[in-house]
C-alpha atoms as a PDB file:
ATOM      1  CA  MET A   1       9.972  33.524  10.066  1.00  0.00           C
ATOM      2  CA  GLU A   2       6.973  32.873   7.886  1.00  0.00           C
ATOM      3  CA  LYS A   3       3.677  32.324   9.772  1.00  0.00           C
ATOM      4  CA  PHE A   4       0.736  30.119   9.038  1.00  0.00           C
ATOM      5  CA  ASP A   5      -2.642  29.316  10.509  1.00  0.00           C
ATOM      6  CA  LEU A   6      -1.849  25.501   9.832  1.00  0.00           C
ATOM      7  CA  VAL A   7       0.922  23.539   8.691  1.00  0.00           C
ATOM      8  CA  VAL A   8       0.205  19.907   7.447  1.00  0.00           C
ATOM      9  CA  ILE A   9       3.147  17.508   7.294  1.00  0.00           C
ATOM     10  CA  GLY A  10       2.400  14.957   4.703  1.00  0.00           C
ATOM     11  CA  ALA A  11       0.573  15.303   1.469  1.00  0.00           C
ATOM     12  CA  GLY A  12      -1.064  11.981   1.277  1.00  0.00           C
ATOM     13  CA  PRO A  13      -4.859  11.493   1.098  1.00  0.00           C
ATOM     14  CA  SER A  14      -5.361  12.636   4.775  1.00  0.00           C
ATOM     15  CA  GLY A  15      -2.942  15.484   4.713  1.00  0.00           C
ATOM     16  CA  TYR A  16      -4.249  16.725   1.435  1.00  0.00           C
ATOM     17  CA  ALA A  17      -7.857  16.644   2.666  1.00  0.00           C
ATOM     18  CA  ALA A  18      -6.953  18.439   5.798  1.00  0.00           C
ATOM     19  CA  ALA A  19      -5.300  21.211   3.796  1.00  0.00           C
ATOM     20  CA  MET A  20      -8.222  21.546   1.528  1.00  0.00           C
ATOM     21  CA  ARG A  21     -10.637  21.590   4.363  1.00  0.00           C
ATOM     22  CA  ALA A  22      -8.643  24.408   6.114  1.00  0.00           C
ATOM     23  CA  LEU A  23      -8.721  26.499   2.934  1.00  0.00           C
ATOM     24  CA  ASP A  24     -12.624  26.294   3.049  1.00  0.00           C
ATOM     25  CA  PHE A  25     -12.229  28.338   6.246  1.00  0.00           C
ATOM     26  CA  LYS A  26      -9.912  30.923   4.586  1.00  0.00           C
ATOM     27  CA  LYS A  27      -6.819  29.827   6.681  1.00  0.00           C
ATOM     28  CA  LYS A  28      -3.348  30.363   5.537  1.00  0.00           C
ATOM     29  CA  VAL A  29      -1.953  26.837   4.917  1.00  0.00           C
ATOM     30  CA  LEU A  30       1.415  25.258   4.403  1.00  0.00           C
ATOM     31  CA  LEU A  31       1.589  21.678   3.057  1.00  0.00           C
ATOM     32  CA  VAL A  32       4.897  19.898   3.495  1.00  0.00           C
ATOM     33  CA  GLU A  33       5.796  16.728   1.612  1.00  0.00           C
ATOM     34  CA  LYS A  34       9.257  15.023   1.246  1.00  0.00           C
ATOM     35  CA  ASN A  35       8.251  12.736  -1.520  1.00  0.00           C
ATOM     36  CA  ARG A  36       5.213  13.028  -3.919  1.00  0.00           C
ATOM     37  CA  VAL A  37       1.885  14.629  -3.497  1.00  0.00           C
ATOM     38  CA  GLY A  38      -0.619  11.892  -3.085  1.00  0.00           C
ATOM     39  CA  GLY A  39       1.507   9.716  -0.832  1.00  0.00           C
ATOM     40  CA  ALA A  40       1.264   5.935  -0.771  1.00  0.00           C
ATOM     41  CA  GLY A  41      -2.453   6.106  -1.346  1.00  0.00           C
ATOM     42  CA  VAL A  42      -1.708   7.212  -5.000  1.00  0.00           C
ATOM     43  CA  THR A  43       1.771   6.181  -5.849  1.00  0.00           C
ATOM     44  CA  ASN A  44       1.970   2.478  -4.525  1.00  0.00           C
ATOM     45  CA  GLY A  45      -1.170   1.840  -2.411  1.00  0.00           C
ATOM     46  CA  ALA A  46      -4.821   2.165  -2.518  1.00  0.00           C
ATOM     47  CA  LEU A  47      -5.183   3.566  -6.046  1.00  0.00           C
ATOM     48  CA  SER A  48      -2.819   1.229  -7.656  1.00  0.00           C
ATOM     49  CA  SER A  49      -3.958  -1.917  -5.692  1.00  0.00           C
ATOM     50  CA  LYS A  50      -7.687  -1.099  -6.418  1.00  0.00           C
ATOM     51  CA  THR A  51      -6.791  -0.611 -10.140  1.00  0.00           C
ATOM     52  CA  TRP A  52      -5.084  -4.049 -10.160  1.00  0.00           C
ATOM     53  CA  TRP A  53      -8.036  -5.545  -8.336  1.00  0.00           C
ATOM     54  CA  GLU A  54     -10.613  -4.190 -10.836  1.00  0.00           C
ATOM     55  CA  LEU A  55      -8.494  -5.472 -13.799  1.00  0.00           C
ATOM     56  CA  SER A  56      -8.294  -8.844 -12.031  1.00  0.00           C
ATOM     57  CA  ARG A  57     -11.898  -9.054 -11.471  1.00  0.00           C
ATOM     58  CA  GLU A  58     -12.696  -8.327 -15.160  1.00  0.00           C
ATOM     59  CA  THR A  59     -10.132 -10.941 -16.287  1.00  0.00           C
ATOM     60  CA  ALA A  60     -11.542 -13.466 -14.065  1.00  0.00           C
ATOM     61  CA  SER A  61     -14.963 -12.923 -15.243  1.00  0.00           C
ATOM     62  CA  PHE A  62     -13.706 -12.933 -18.982  1.00  0.00           C
ATOM     63  CA  ARG A  63     -11.930 -16.229 -18.303  1.00  0.00           C
ATOM     64  CA  LYS A  64     -15.116 -17.682 -16.726  1.00  0.00           C
ATOM     65  CA  ASN A  65     -17.310 -16.858 -19.668  1.00  0.00           C
ATOM     66  CA  LEU A  66     -14.769 -18.147 -22.173  1.00  0.00           C
ATOM     67  CA  LYS A  67     -14.505 -21.529 -20.374  1.00  0.00           C
ATOM     68  CA  ARG A  68     -18.457 -21.721 -20.316  1.00  0.00           C
ATOM     69  CA  PHE A  69     -18.251 -21.978 -24.113  1.00  0.00           C
ATOM     70  CA  ASN A  70     -15.073 -24.065 -24.229  1.00  0.00           C
ATOM     71  CA  LEU A  71     -13.130 -21.259 -25.797  1.00  0.00           C
ATOM     72  CA  GLN A  72      -9.425 -20.863 -25.296  1.00  0.00           C
ATOM     73  CA  VAL A  73      -8.383 -18.146 -22.808  1.00  0.00           C
ATOM     74  CA  PRO A  74      -6.106 -15.696 -24.420  1.00  0.00           C
ATOM     75  CA  SER A  75      -2.545 -15.001 -22.845  1.00  0.00           C
ATOM     76  CA  ILE A  76      -2.364 -12.246 -20.359  1.00  0.00           C
ATOM     77  CA  ASN A  77       0.540  -9.750 -20.842  1.00  0.00           C
ATOM     78  CA  TYR A  78       1.719  -8.517 -17.301  1.00  0.00           C
ATOM     79  CA  LYS A  79       3.646  -5.473 -18.793  1.00  0.00           C
ATOM     80  CA  GLU A  80       0.342  -4.249 -20.412  1.00  0.00           C
ATOM     81  CA  ILE A  81      -1.562  -4.613 -17.217  1.00  0.00           C
ATOM     82  CA  GLN A  82       1.321  -2.870 -15.225  1.00  0.00           C
ATOM     83  CA  GLU A  83       1.263   0.115 -17.844  1.00  0.00           C
ATOM     84  CA  GLU A  84      -2.636   0.367 -17.310  1.00  0.00           C
ATOM     85  CA  VAL A  85      -2.243   0.738 -13.620  1.00  0.00           C
ATOM     86  CA  GLN A  86       0.582   3.226 -14.074  1.00  0.00           C
ATOM     87  CA  ARG A  87      -1.529   5.369 -16.381  1.00  0.00           C
ATOM     88  CA  ALA A  88      -4.303   5.497 -13.701  1.00  0.00           C
ATOM     89  CA  VAL A  89      -1.712   6.654 -11.246  1.00  0.00           C
ATOM     90  CA  GLU A  90      -0.115   9.194 -13.448  1.00  0.00           C
ATOM     91  CA  GLU A  91      -3.663  10.542 -14.330  1.00  0.00           C
ATOM     92  CA  ARG A  92      -4.359  11.032 -10.647  1.00  0.00           C
ATOM     93  CA  LYS A  93      -0.972  12.520  -9.826  1.00  0.00           C
ATOM     94  CA  SER A  94      -1.425  15.109 -12.612  1.00  0.00           C
ATOM     95  CA  MET A  95      -4.943  15.956 -11.402  1.00  0.00           C
ATOM     96  CA  LEU A  96      -3.560  16.689  -7.782  1.00  0.00           C
ATOM     97  CA  ASP A  97      -0.895  18.757  -9.236  1.00  0.00           C
ATOM     98  CA  GLU A  98      -3.192  20.769 -11.369  1.00  0.00           C
ATOM     99  CA  HIS A  99      -5.583  21.151  -8.377  1.00  0.00           C
ATOM    100  CA  MET A 100      -2.767  22.519  -6.188  1.00  0.00           C
ATOM    101  CA  ASP A 101      -1.616  24.891  -8.888  1.00  0.00           C
ATOM    102  CA  MET A 102      -5.153  26.220  -9.347  1.00  0.00           C
ATOM    103  CA  LEU A 103      -5.501  26.758  -5.624  1.00  0.00           C
ATOM    104  CA  ARG A 104      -2.279  28.655  -5.121  1.00  0.00           C
ATOM    105  CA  ASN A 105      -3.105  30.995  -8.062  1.00  0.00           C
ATOM    106  CA  MET A 106      -6.892  31.554  -7.361  1.00  0.00           C
ATOM    107  CA  ASN A 107      -7.764  35.258  -7.346  1.00  0.00           C
ATOM    108  CA  GLY A 108      -4.122  36.171  -6.734  1.00  0.00           C
ATOM    109  CA  LYS A 109      -4.442  34.836  -3.087  1.00  0.00           C
ATOM    110  CA  THR A 110      -1.636  32.945  -1.353  1.00  0.00           C
ATOM    111  CA  LEU A 111      -3.602  31.073   1.151  1.00  0.00           C
ATOM    112  CA  LEU A 112      -1.920  27.795   0.130  1.00  0.00           C
ATOM    113  CA  SER A 113       1.770  27.245   0.055  1.00  0.00           C
ATOM    114  CA  PHE A 114       3.616  24.082  -0.608  1.00  0.00           C
ATOM    115  CA  LYS A 115       7.140  23.136   0.315  1.00  0.00           C
ATOM    116  CA  GLU A 116       9.097  19.983  -0.503  1.00  0.00           C
ATOM    117  CA  GLY A 117      11.364  18.645   2.152  1.00  0.00           C
ATOM    118  CA  SER A 118      11.483  16.777   5.424  1.00  0.00           C
ATOM    119  CA  ALA A 119       9.708  18.540   8.369  1.00  0.00           C
ATOM    120  CA  LYS A 120      10.632  18.318  12.035  1.00  0.00           C
ATOM    121  CA  LEU A 121       8.890  19.876  15.037  1.00  0.00           C
ATOM    122  CA  ILE A 122      11.292  21.898  17.215  1.00  0.00           C
ATOM    123  CA  SER A 123       8.831  23.483  19.490  1.00  0.00           C
ATOM    124  CA  GLN A 124       4.992  23.255  19.838  1.00  0.00           C
ATOM    125  CA  HIS A 125       4.605  25.976  16.976  1.00  0.00           C
ATOM    126  CA  GLU A 126       7.823  25.723  15.019  1.00  0.00           C
ATOM    127  CA  ILE A 127       8.773  23.492  12.243  1.00  0.00           C
ATOM    128  CA  GLU A 128      12.131  23.145  10.615  1.00  0.00           C
ATOM    129  CA  ILE A 129      12.064  22.040   6.901  1.00  0.00           C
ATOM    130  CA  THR A 130      15.028  20.571   5.349  1.00  0.00           C
ATOM    131  CA  ARG A 131      15.666  20.226   1.637  1.00  0.00           C
ATOM    132  CA  GLY A 132      19.091  18.942   0.899  1.00  0.00           C
ATOM    133  CA  HIS A 133      21.504  21.217   2.739  1.00  0.00           C
ATOM    134  CA  VAL A 134      19.025  24.133   3.243  1.00  0.00           C
ATOM    135  CA  LYS A 135      16.956  24.464   6.257  1.00  0.00           C
ATOM    136  CA  GLU A 136      14.226  26.915   7.141  1.00  0.00           C
ATOM    137  CA  LYS A 137      11.848  27.439   9.936  1.00  0.00           C
ATOM    138  CA  VAL A 138       8.047  28.258   9.863  1.00  0.00           C
ATOM    139  CA  TYR A 139       5.637  29.127  12.562  1.00  0.00           C
ATOM    140  CA  ALA A 140       2.198  27.369  12.777  1.00  0.00           C
ATOM    141  CA  GLU A 141      -0.742  28.080  15.040  1.00  0.00           C
ATOM    142  CA  TYR A 142      -1.879  24.595  14.404  1.00  0.00           C
ATOM    143  CA  ILE A 143       0.074  21.494  13.128  1.00  0.00           C
ATOM    144  CA  ILE A 144      -1.312  18.309  11.554  1.00  0.00           C
ATOM    145  CA  LEU A 145       0.835  15.167  11.337  1.00  0.00           C
ATOM    146  CA  ALA A 146      -0.180  13.155   8.365  1.00  0.00           C
ATOM    147  CA  THR A 147       3.030  11.343   7.641  1.00  0.00           C
ATOM    148  CA  GLY A 148       1.326   7.992   6.664  1.00  0.00           C
ATOM    149  CA  SER A 149       2.619   4.474   7.223  1.00  0.00           C
ATOM    150  CA  ARG A 150       4.663   1.791   5.795  1.00  0.00           C
ATOM    151  CA  PRO A 151       4.548  -2.112   5.701  1.00  0.00           C
ATOM    152  CA  ARG A 152       5.600  -3.686   8.875  1.00  0.00           C
ATOM    153  CA  TYR A 153       8.739  -5.797   8.482  1.00  0.00           C
ATOM    154  CA  LEU A 154       9.402  -8.998  10.494  1.00  0.00           C
ATOM    155  CA  PRO A 155      12.953  -9.342  11.206  1.00  0.00           C
ATOM    156  CA  GLU A 156      12.905 -13.210  11.112  1.00  0.00           C
ATOM    157  CA  LEU A 157      11.757 -13.075   7.607  1.00  0.00           C
ATOM    158  CA  PRO A 158      14.309 -12.465   4.671  1.00  0.00           C
ATOM    159  CA  ILE A 159      12.438  -9.490   3.079  1.00  0.00           C
ATOM    160  CA  ASP A 160      14.506  -8.358   0.121  1.00  0.00           C
ATOM    161  CA  GLU A 161      11.623  -6.773  -1.974  1.00  0.00           C
ATOM    162  CA  LYS A 162      12.812  -8.967  -4.900  1.00  0.00           C
ATOM    163  CA  ILE A 163      11.758 -12.469  -3.854  1.00  0.00           C
ATOM    164  CA  VAL A 164      10.235 -11.810  -0.347  1.00  0.00           C
ATOM    165  CA  LEU A 165       8.235  -8.781  -0.743  1.00  0.00           C
ATOM    166  CA  THR A 166       5.890  -6.285   1.034  1.00  0.00           C
ATOM    167  CA  SER A 167       3.246  -4.312  -0.624  1.00  0.00           C
ATOM    168  CA  GLU A 168       5.761  -1.703  -1.626  1.00  0.00           C
ATOM    169  CA  GLY A 169       7.707  -4.223  -3.713  1.00  0.00           C
ATOM    170  CA  ILE A 170       4.993  -6.382  -5.115  1.00  0.00           C
ATOM    171  CA  GLU A 171       3.929  -4.082  -7.897  1.00  0.00           C
ATOM    172  CA  LYS A 172       7.562  -3.946  -9.173  1.00  0.00           C
ATOM    173  CA  LEU A 173       7.385  -7.534 -10.356  1.00  0.00           C
ATOM    174  CA  SER A 174       8.376  -8.034 -14.028  1.00  0.00           C
ATOM    175  CA  ASP A 175       5.781 -10.838 -14.696  1.00  0.00           C
ATOM    176  CA  PHE A 176       3.305 -12.977 -12.949  1.00  0.00           C
ATOM    177  CA  PRO A 177       4.967 -15.532 -10.558  1.00  0.00           C
ATOM    178  CA  GLU A 178       3.862 -19.091 -11.108  1.00  0.00           C
ATOM    179  CA  SER A 179       3.300 -19.420  -7.321  1.00  0.00           C
ATOM    180  CA  MET A 180       3.278 -17.158  -4.373  1.00  0.00           C
ATOM    181  CA  VAL A 181       2.774 -17.415  -0.689  1.00  0.00           C
ATOM    182  CA  ILE A 182       1.090 -14.560   1.340  1.00  0.00           C
ATOM    183  CA  VAL A 183       1.913 -14.214   5.022  1.00  0.00           C
ATOM    184  CA  GLY A 184      -1.026 -12.684   6.642  1.00  0.00           C
ATOM    185  CA  ALA A 185      -4.816 -13.095   6.114  1.00  0.00           C
ATOM    186  CA  GLY A 186      -5.939  -9.662   6.687  1.00  0.00           C
ATOM    187  CA  VAL A 187      -7.278  -7.039   4.335  1.00  0.00           C
ATOM    188  CA  ILE A 188      -4.077  -6.427   2.310  1.00  0.00           C
ATOM    189  CA  GLY A 189      -3.195 -10.081   2.218  1.00  0.00           C
ATOM    190  CA  CYS A 190      -6.698 -11.250   1.046  1.00  0.00           C
ATOM    191  CA  GLU A 191      -6.758  -8.319  -1.533  1.00  0.00           C
ATOM    192  CA  TYR A 192      -3.421  -9.528  -3.208  1.00  0.00           C
ATOM    193  CA  ALA A 193      -4.627 -13.138  -2.944  1.00  0.00           C
ATOM    194  CA  THR A 194      -7.778 -12.128  -4.925  1.00  0.00           C
ATOM    195  CA  ILE A 195      -5.694 -10.136  -7.370  1.00  0.00           C
ATOM    196  CA  PHE A 196      -3.175 -12.713  -8.385  1.00  0.00           C
ATOM    197  CA  SER A 197      -5.483 -15.637  -8.266  1.00  0.00           C
ATOM    198  CA  GLY A 198      -8.073 -13.681 -10.511  1.00  0.00           C
ATOM    199  CA  PHE A 199      -5.516 -13.371 -13.338  1.00  0.00           C
ATOM    200  CA  GLY A 200      -5.315 -17.193 -13.193  1.00  0.00           C
ATOM    201  CA  LYS A 201      -1.521 -17.271 -13.722  1.00  0.00           C
ATOM    202  CA  THR A 202      -0.276 -17.532 -10.111  1.00  0.00           C
ATOM    203  CA  LYS A 203      -0.933 -20.471  -7.733  1.00  0.00           C
ATOM    204  CA  VAL A 204      -1.601 -18.431  -4.426  1.00  0.00           C
ATOM    205  CA  HIS A 205      -0.915 -19.885  -0.881  1.00  0.00           C
ATOM    206  CA  LEU A 206      -2.491 -17.848   2.034  1.00  0.00           C
ATOM    207  CA  ILE A 207      -1.112 -18.382   5.578  1.00  0.00           C
ATOM    208  CA  ASP A 208      -3.869 -17.877   8.278  1.00  0.00           C
ATOM    209  CA  LYS A 209      -2.967 -18.582  11.832  1.00  0.00           C
ATOM    210  CA  GLY A 210      -6.681 -18.657  12.733  1.00  0.00           C
ATOM    211  CA  ASP A 211      -9.483 -20.958  11.440  1.00  0.00           C
ATOM    212  CA  ARG A 212     -10.870 -18.038   9.215  1.00  0.00           C
ATOM    213  CA  ILE A 213      -9.297 -15.242   7.267  1.00  0.00           C
ATOM    214  CA  LEU A 214     -10.350 -11.476   7.868  1.00  0.00           C
ATOM    215  CA  PRO A 215     -10.879 -11.985  11.659  1.00  0.00           C
ATOM    216  CA  PHE A 216     -12.553  -8.604  12.088  1.00  0.00           C
ATOM    217  CA  GLU A 217     -15.106  -9.082   9.413  1.00  0.00           C
ATOM    218  CA  ASP A 218     -18.585 -10.885   9.785  1.00  0.00           C
ATOM    219  CA  ASP A 219     -18.617 -14.697   9.255  1.00  0.00           C
ATOM    220  CA  ASP A 220     -21.134 -14.601   6.376  1.00  0.00           C
ATOM    221  CA  VAL A 221     -18.877 -12.149   4.529  1.00  0.00           C
ATOM    222  CA  VAL A 222     -15.805 -14.066   5.164  1.00  0.00           C
ATOM    223  CA  LYS A 223     -17.329 -17.338   3.788  1.00  0.00           C
ATOM    224  CA  VAL A 224     -18.126 -15.639   0.532  1.00  0.00           C
ATOM    225  CA  ILE A 225     -14.686 -14.325   0.115  1.00  0.00           C
ATOM    226  CA  GLU A 226     -13.124 -17.674   1.153  1.00  0.00           C
ATOM    227  CA  ARG A 227     -15.225 -19.491  -1.388  1.00  0.00           C
ATOM    228  CA  ASN A 228     -14.370 -17.163  -4.240  1.00  0.00           C
ATOM    229  CA  MET A 229     -10.683 -17.306  -3.480  1.00  0.00           C
ATOM    230  CA  GLU A 230     -10.656 -21.165  -3.262  1.00  0.00           C
ATOM    231  CA  ASN A 231     -12.740 -21.326  -6.478  1.00  0.00           C
ATOM    232  CA  ASN A 232      -9.868 -19.357  -8.097  1.00  0.00           C
ATOM    233  CA  GLY A 233      -7.314 -22.054  -6.734  1.00  0.00           C
ATOM    234  CA  VAL A 234      -6.183 -20.209  -3.663  1.00  0.00           C
ATOM    235  CA  LEU A 235      -4.732 -22.684  -0.885  1.00  0.00           C
ATOM    236  CA  ILE A 236      -5.633 -21.333   2.465  1.00  0.00           C
ATOM    237  CA  HIS A 237      -3.333 -22.754   5.266  1.00  0.00           C
ATOM    238  CA  ARG A 238      -5.718 -22.493   8.162  1.00  0.00           C
ATOM    239  CA  ASN A 239      -4.767 -22.882  11.735  1.00  0.00           C
ATOM    240  CA  SER A 240      -1.066 -22.766  10.737  1.00  0.00           C
ATOM    241  CA  ARG A 241       1.947 -21.083  12.112  1.00  0.00           C
ATOM    242  CA  LEU A 242       4.955 -20.045   9.933  1.00  0.00           C
ATOM    243  CA  VAL A 243       8.029 -21.696  11.426  1.00  0.00           C
ATOM    244  CA  ARG A 244      10.640 -20.872   8.832  1.00  0.00           C
ATOM    245  CA  MET A 245      11.053 -18.993   5.619  1.00  0.00           C
ATOM    246  CA  GLU A 246      14.168 -19.058   3.552  1.00  0.00           C
ATOM    247  CA  ILE A 247      15.335 -18.064   0.186  1.00  0.00           C
ATOM    248  CA  LYS A 248      16.851 -21.012  -1.590  1.00  0.00           C
ATOM    249  CA  HIS A 249      18.057 -21.009  -5.173  1.00  0.00           C
ATOM    250  CA  GLY A 250      16.097 -17.818  -5.916  1.00  0.00           C
ATOM    251  CA  ARG A 251      12.945 -19.406  -4.572  1.00  0.00           C
ATOM    252  CA  VAL A 252      11.109 -19.289  -1.283  1.00  0.00           C
ATOM    253  CA  GLU A 253      11.047 -22.434   1.025  1.00  0.00           C
ATOM    254  CA  TYR A 254       8.687 -22.027   3.899  1.00  0.00           C
ATOM    255  CA  GLU A 255       7.563 -24.379   6.776  1.00  0.00           C
ATOM    256  CA  LEU A 256       4.287 -24.564   8.616  1.00  0.00           C
ATOM    257  CA  GLU A 257       3.178 -25.907  11.916  1.00  0.00           C
ATOM    258  CA  TYR A 258      -0.429 -26.852  12.439  1.00  0.00           C
ATOM    259  CA  THR A 259      -2.399 -27.173  15.627  1.00  0.00           C
ATOM    260  CA  ASP A 260      -2.057 -30.882  15.831  1.00  0.00           C
ATOM    261  CA  SER A 261       1.840 -30.305  15.896  1.00  0.00           C
ATOM    262  CA  SER A 262       2.286 -31.654  12.249  1.00  0.00           C
ATOM    263  CA  LYS A 263       4.622 -29.643   9.953  1.00  0.00           C
ATOM    264  CA  GLU A 264       4.751 -29.227   6.134  1.00  0.00           C
ATOM    265  CA  VAL A 265       7.264 -27.558   3.793  1.00  0.00           C
ATOM    266  CA  PHE A 266       6.359 -25.751   0.705  1.00  0.00           C
ATOM    267  CA  ASN A 267       8.246 -24.234  -2.077  1.00  0.00           C
ATOM    268  CA  VAL A 268       7.128 -21.233  -4.122  1.00  0.00           C
ATOM    269  CA  GLU A 269       8.514 -18.688  -6.463  1.00  0.00           C
ATOM    270  CA  LYS A 270       7.576 -15.474  -4.406  1.00  0.00           C
ATOM    271  CA  ALA A 271       6.497 -14.462  -1.023  1.00  0.00           C
ATOM    272  CA  LEU A 272       4.306 -11.339  -0.063  1.00  0.00           C
ATOM    273  CA  VAL A 273       4.519 -10.330   3.847  1.00  0.00           C
ATOM    274  CA  SER A 274       1.232  -8.588   4.736  1.00  0.00           C
ATOM    275  CA  VAL A 275       1.281  -8.308   8.510  1.00  0.00           C
ATOM    276  CA  GLY A 276       0.076  -4.810   8.967  1.00  0.00           C
ATOM    277  CA  ARG A 277       1.659  -1.326   8.884  1.00  0.00           C
ATOM    278  CA  VAL A 278       3.614   0.974  11.211  1.00  0.00           C
ATOM    279  CA  PRO A 279       3.319   4.792  11.302  1.00  0.00           C
ATOM    280  CA  ASN A 280       6.123   7.123   9.821  1.00  0.00           C
ATOM    281  CA  LEU A 281       7.136   8.917  13.064  1.00  0.00           C
ATOM    282  CA  GLU A 282      10.873   8.714  12.889  1.00  0.00           C
ATOM    283  CA  ASP A 283      12.791  11.969  13.333  1.00  0.00           C
ATOM    284  CA  LEU A 284       9.470  13.906  13.211  1.00  0.00           C
ATOM    285  CA  TRP A 285      10.206  15.927  16.398  1.00  0.00           C
ATOM    286  CA  ASP A 286      12.839  16.928  18.969  1.00  0.00           C
ATOM    287  CA  ASP A 287      12.625  15.255  22.392  1.00  0.00           C
ATOM    288  CA  LYS A 288      12.114  18.521  24.033  1.00  0.00           C
ATOM    289  CA  VAL A 289       8.805  18.877  22.241  1.00  0.00           C
ATOM    290  CA  GLY A 290       7.263  16.222  24.299  1.00  0.00           C
END
């Protein structure tokens, strides 16, 4: 059984950084990843959403300047923007791969190892790694779990990642929807409300069960963000509760109930469910590990 000072399960931003820090102390490290190095932070998370946000910000500024001089706003091509985001993602993935190759081959030393597969703790110091039908065991003096998270699903909502989406499916759209409702006025929900409204192609509705978005942020910051979003046409449903959401004729119909008990029904092309994330902990250890 091969032995390591440290085994890191998950090669996303946290796991990768932990492995690099252990190498600084000349520790023998194994990095295990079942999908792609970089994790959601690179492939369909922070990097891609921040690239979308930056392109949206530039587009909104450009549109505003054109309108000041009564100039026609040119058509925005969704595919071209999508390709620009993908180029940024691929560039970062390539940099990570090159960095790992360099570390593995540095001075002929083998302090860093990488294995692709699913890892499972079978004791406090043993990990079983499965790739296809092949299983192997390794020993680790220390183990770091950095398996990341995924969008939280609400069972009462018809999430299909085509019409009703989470942040994992939103970037697979083929074009800007003409309208979209976002369930959840937290960080991710407000980020995508800003992105899609900034391009000026989508009427965005944002459901907020409280009287203000971003409940954990300072009031003065929230007021600026709310003003900017509403200036871009975002409709914020304050003090509202989602009573019902259904897919009808390829569109989304949703019903809201307000604090005064009144109700209202809306119809939009797409929905984004953004109600937090849950950790990826399934099948990560045997019950006997504790």
